[in-house]
Protein backbone atom coordinates (compact mmCIF):
# COMPACT_ATOMS: atom_id res chain seq x y z
CA MET A 1 16.23 -9.49 13.42
CA SER A 2 15.17 -12.00 16.06
CA LYS A 3 12.07 -13.51 16.91
CA VAL A 4 11.82 -12.82 20.78
CA LEU A 5 9.53 -14.99 23.10
CA LEU A 6 9.01 -13.05 26.36
CA ALA A 7 7.76 -14.61 29.49
CA GLY A 8 6.69 -13.26 32.81
CA GLU A 9 6.31 -9.59 33.58
CA SER A 10 3.01 -9.77 34.77
CA TRP A 11 1.05 -9.98 38.03
CA PHE A 12 -2.43 -10.03 39.80
CA THR A 13 -2.83 -7.47 42.77
CA TYR A 14 -5.65 -7.99 45.51
CA SER A 15 -5.83 -5.27 48.06
CA VAL A 16 -7.53 -4.65 51.42
CA HIS A 17 -8.82 -1.04 51.85
CA GLN A 18 -9.36 -0.34 55.70
CA LYS A 19 -11.41 2.81 56.41
CA GLY A 20 -12.25 2.89 60.00
CA PHE A 21 -15.04 0.34 60.95
CA ASP A 22 -15.38 -0.75 57.02
CA ALA A 23 -13.22 -2.38 54.73
CA PHE A 24 -13.46 -3.22 51.07
CA TYR A 25 -11.17 -5.22 48.54
CA ALA A 26 -9.93 -4.34 45.12
CA SER A 27 -7.82 -6.26 42.40
CA GLU A 28 -6.31 -5.47 39.43
CA TYR A 29 -4.28 -7.23 36.65
CA VAL A 30 -1.03 -5.68 35.51
CA GLU A 31 1.46 -6.12 32.58
CA GLY A 32 4.87 -4.37 33.13
CA ALA A 33 6.65 -4.92 29.74
CA ALA A 34 5.04 -2.47 27.55
CA ASP A 35 8.33 -0.22 27.24
CA PHE A 36 10.61 -3.29 26.73
CA ILE A 37 8.35 -4.84 24.03
CA ALA A 38 7.98 -1.38 22.54
CA ALA A 39 11.66 -1.08 22.35
CA LEU A 40 12.18 -4.44 20.55
CA GLN A 41 9.51 -3.93 18.20
CA GLN A 42 10.57 -0.52 17.03
CA ALA A 43 14.25 -2.28 16.55
CA GLY A 44 12.60 -4.60 14.09
CA HIS A 45 12.10 -7.73 16.20
CA GLU A 46 9.25 -9.87 16.39
CA VAL A 47 8.01 -10.06 20.01
CA THR A 48 5.48 -13.01 21.29
CA TYR A 49 4.37 -12.08 24.70
CA ILE A 50 3.04 -14.64 27.41
CA PRO A 51 2.03 -13.37 30.66
CA SER A 52 3.21 -15.39 33.74
CA HIS A 53 -0.19 -16.92 34.16
CA GLN A 54 -0.31 -18.24 30.88
CA ILE A 55 3.11 -19.87 30.84
CA HIS A 56 1.93 -23.41 31.74
CA SER A 57 -0.59 -23.52 28.65
CA HIS A 58 1.15 -21.37 26.21
CA PHE A 59 4.77 -21.77 26.64
CA PRO A 60 6.34 -24.40 24.12
CA SER A 61 6.80 -27.90 25.75
CA ASP A 62 9.83 -29.22 23.85
CA ALA A 63 12.89 -27.37 22.47
CA GLU A 64 11.85 -27.84 18.82
CA SER A 65 8.51 -26.22 19.28
CA LEU A 66 10.33 -23.39 21.01
CA ARG A 67 12.90 -23.14 18.22
CA ALA A 68 10.03 -22.81 15.73
CA VAL A 69 8.75 -19.57 17.37
CA ALA A 70 11.64 -18.05 18.91
CA ASP A 71 15.30 -17.34 18.46
CA VAL A 72 15.48 -15.90 21.73
CA VAL A 73 13.76 -16.48 25.13
CA VAL A 74 13.54 -13.53 27.81
CA ILE A 75 12.43 -14.66 31.30
CA SER A 76 11.29 -11.60 33.34
CA ASP A 77 10.27 -11.18 37.02
CA VAL A 78 8.58 -14.84 37.02
CA GLY A 79 9.83 -17.80 39.26
CA ALA A 80 10.90 -21.50 38.09
CA ASN A 81 7.72 -22.99 39.94
CA THR A 82 5.67 -21.35 36.83
CA PHE A 83 7.78 -23.32 34.50
CA GLN A 84 8.18 -26.60 36.47
CA LEU A 85 4.74 -27.09 38.25
CA ALA A 86 1.88 -27.46 35.72
CA PRO A 87 -1.65 -27.56 36.98
CA GLU A 88 -1.85 -31.23 35.96
CA THR A 89 1.41 -32.19 38.10
CA PHE A 90 0.90 -30.06 41.18
CA GLY A 91 -2.88 -30.69 41.56
CA HIS A 92 -3.18 -34.38 40.07
CA SER A 93 0.34 -35.87 40.19
CA ILE A 94 0.25 -36.48 36.17
CA PRO A 95 4.08 -36.00 34.89
CA SER A 96 4.38 -32.80 32.53
CA PRO A 97 7.31 -31.39 30.76
CA ASP A 98 9.93 -29.19 32.72
CA LYS A 99 9.84 -26.07 30.86
CA ALA A 100 13.13 -24.78 32.42
CA GLU A 101 14.87 -27.85 30.68
CA VAL A 102 13.23 -27.11 27.65
CA VAL A 103 14.72 -23.64 27.52
CA ARG A 104 18.10 -25.14 28.60
CA GLU A 105 17.79 -27.75 25.43
CA PHE A 106 16.91 -24.83 23.44
CA VAL A 107 20.09 -22.79 24.09
CA ALA A 108 22.33 -25.85 23.98
CA ALA A 109 21.24 -26.23 20.54
CA GLY A 110 21.91 -22.75 19.66
CA GLY A 111 19.22 -20.60 21.03
CA GLY A 112 19.65 -17.63 23.31
CA VAL A 113 18.24 -16.64 26.79
CA LEU A 114 18.05 -13.57 28.58
CA MET A 115 16.98 -13.42 32.19
CA VAL A 116 15.93 -10.12 33.52
CA GLY A 117 15.96 -9.35 37.24
CA GLY A 118 13.23 -8.70 39.64
CA TYR A 119 11.60 -9.86 43.01
CA LEU A 120 10.92 -13.48 41.21
CA THR A 121 14.00 -14.05 38.92
CA PHE A 122 17.24 -15.60 39.72
CA SER A 123 16.69 -16.35 43.39
CA GLY A 124 14.40 -13.43 44.25
CA VAL A 125 12.77 -12.43 47.35
CA ASP A 126 12.52 -14.85 49.94
CA ALA A 127 14.86 -17.23 47.72
CA LYS A 128 11.31 -17.86 46.12
CA ALA A 129 12.12 -17.54 42.40
CA ARG A 130 14.65 -20.58 42.85
CA TRP A 131 16.16 -20.52 39.30
CA GLY A 132 19.41 -21.68 40.60
CA ARG A 133 17.63 -25.01 41.36
CA THR A 134 16.76 -25.72 37.71
CA SER A 135 18.79 -26.98 34.92
CA LEU A 136 18.64 -23.69 33.04
CA ALA A 137 21.00 -22.13 35.49
CA GLN A 138 23.63 -24.05 33.57
CA ALA A 139 22.97 -22.04 30.31
CA LEU A 140 23.05 -18.58 32.26
CA PRO A 141 26.47 -16.65 32.26
CA VAL A 142 26.12 -16.06 36.31
CA ARG A 143 25.98 -18.09 39.43
CA ILE A 144 22.72 -17.60 41.26
CA LEU A 145 22.84 -17.33 45.13
CA ASP A 146 20.82 -20.00 47.07
CA ILE A 147 19.43 -17.00 49.34
CA ASP A 148 17.16 -13.99 49.01
CA ASP A 149 19.54 -12.25 46.36
CA ARG A 150 17.90 -8.87 46.42
CA VAL A 151 20.15 -5.75 46.65
CA GLU A 152 17.73 -2.94 47.57
CA LEU A 153 19.08 0.54 46.25
CA PRO A 154 16.39 3.14 47.53
CA ALA A 155 18.53 6.09 47.16
CA GLY A 156 19.35 5.05 43.58
CA ALA A 157 22.89 3.98 42.10
CA HIS A 158 24.30 4.72 38.41
CA PRO A 159 25.58 1.43 36.59
CA SER A 160 28.67 1.97 34.55
CA VAL A 161 30.31 0.34 31.73
CA THR A 162 33.31 -1.82 32.45
CA GLY A 163 34.93 -2.42 29.29
CA PRO A 164 34.36 -2.46 25.47
CA HIS A 165 31.84 -4.82 23.99
CA PRO A 166 29.54 -4.42 20.87
CA ILE A 167 26.43 -4.51 23.27
CA VAL A 168 27.85 -1.44 25.32
CA ASP A 169 30.14 0.38 22.77
CA GLY A 170 28.64 4.04 22.15
CA LEU A 171 26.65 3.99 25.00
CA GLU A 172 27.38 6.68 28.00
CA GLN A 173 29.98 5.51 30.55
CA GLU A 174 27.34 5.95 33.39
CA TRP A 175 23.77 5.03 33.10
CA PRO A 176 20.62 6.56 34.53
CA MET A 177 20.10 5.29 38.17
CA LEU A 178 18.34 2.01 39.19
CA LEU A 179 16.72 1.20 42.43
CA GLY A 180 18.04 -2.44 42.99
CA LEU A 181 19.04 -5.54 41.50
CA ASN A 182 19.84 -9.40 41.89
CA GLU A 183 23.17 -10.22 43.68
CA LEU A 184 24.72 -12.48 41.15
CA ILE A 185 28.29 -13.94 40.40
CA ALA A 186 29.63 -13.86 36.88
CA ARG A 187 31.04 -17.01 35.82
CA ASP A 188 34.78 -17.42 35.16
CA ASP A 189 34.31 -17.92 31.44
CA ALA A 190 31.46 -15.02 31.19
CA GLN A 191 31.86 -11.19 30.17
CA THR A 192 30.63 -8.69 32.75
CA LEU A 193 29.82 -5.47 30.56
CA ALA A 194 28.27 -3.29 33.40
CA VAL A 195 28.36 -2.88 37.03
CA CYS A 196 25.74 -1.23 39.43
CA ALA A 197 26.73 -0.50 43.23
CA GLY A 198 29.62 -2.87 42.85
CA HIS A 199 27.42 -5.89 41.34
CA PRO A 200 27.41 -7.29 38.14
CA LEU A 201 24.63 -5.89 35.93
CA VAL A 202 25.04 -6.96 32.45
CA VAL A 203 26.91 -10.34 32.13
CA VAL A 204 27.21 -12.36 28.75
CA GLY A 205 28.41 -16.01 27.97
CA ARG A 206 28.04 -18.98 25.79
CA TYR A 207 26.61 -22.18 26.39
CA GLU A 208 27.17 -25.08 24.09
CA GLU A 209 26.09 -24.06 20.79
CA GLY A 210 23.96 -20.91 22.05
CA ARG A 211 24.45 -17.89 24.05
CA GLY A 212 23.03 -16.54 27.34
CA ALA A 213 22.82 -13.19 28.89
CA ALA A 214 21.86 -11.80 32.52
CA PHE A 215 20.51 -8.15 33.32
CA ALA A 216 20.55 -8.00 36.93
CA SER A 217 17.93 -5.41 37.41
CA ASP A 218 14.29 -4.68 35.94
CA ILE A 219 13.46 -3.66 32.74
CA ALA A 220 10.38 -1.91 34.16
CA PRO A 221 9.36 -0.19 37.79
CA HIS A 222 9.94 -0.35 40.31
CA TRP A 223 13.78 -1.24 40.29
CA ALA A 224 13.88 0.71 36.80
CA PRO A 225 12.54 4.15 37.29
CA PRO A 226 11.10 6.35 34.52
CA GLY A 227 14.43 7.98 34.09
CA PHE A 228 15.86 4.62 33.04
CA THR A 229 12.99 3.17 30.77
CA GLN A 230 13.02 6.45 29.00
CA TRP A 231 16.81 7.01 28.63
CA PRO A 232 17.69 6.75 24.95
CA GLY A 233 20.19 4.07 25.75
CA TYR A 234 17.52 1.72 26.99
CA PRO A 235 16.08 0.51 23.47
CA VAL A 236 19.74 0.26 22.11
CA LEU A 237 20.89 -1.73 25.09
CA PHE A 238 18.12 -4.35 24.85
CA ASP A 239 18.03 -4.47 20.94
CA ARG A 240 21.92 -5.33 21.31
CA LEU A 241 21.51 -7.77 24.11
CA VAL A 242 18.89 -9.65 22.19
CA ARG A 243 20.89 -9.60 18.88
CA TRP A 244 23.90 -10.69 20.76
CA VAL A 245 22.31 -13.86 22.37
CA ALA A 246 20.62 -14.72 19.03
CA GLY A 247 24.05 -14.64 17.41
CA GLU A 248 23.47 -11.62 15.21
CA LEU A 249 26.05 -9.38 16.94
């Protein structure tokens, strides 16, 4: 089985509660990857999790160091700025490694990458995720739009399998509904394995010596409601995606 490095899928929330004349403030820290991590661990994968706010300090700074700890990198709901703007660079103009380029080099040398959708992956809300402006975009099997790429599906839409592939073989033809995804364009040499609301949902492809995959929706709420994360096919799908990009399937 694979060593998986998951980066992202965490956030801080700061809220204002207004009650008549008075107001008070509350904050919380949330990690959204519990179901995903559990699914991979139960399948036998070794998962290392780096929350969004620790990427600048904990994510490896060169491809060789990354290869020592991971066969597959999963990037979920965290923008490219977090990989490219270290505090010393943004605050003090001191050069630092471009960790998006580190992942590209890792894939080019035989590693695997899976990018998962969300408000801050691919292009994202208000195009703030800006992954299409990084060199890592070359290693993904999709072209990323240069605009806000969210496709909101508040009434829900059921994904469907588009053809045979070891990743989706044996799964239902139609999957539990999703509530949104990022709009992506599959590259000519990539394979689209599932679609949702007419858009590519699962796309896989090769890049130099490695492999890349895109899952255009969430691995957790809100785009992935409980009906999807608790679906028996959920752990099967992501186990197979990880094994495929790792070259094990």
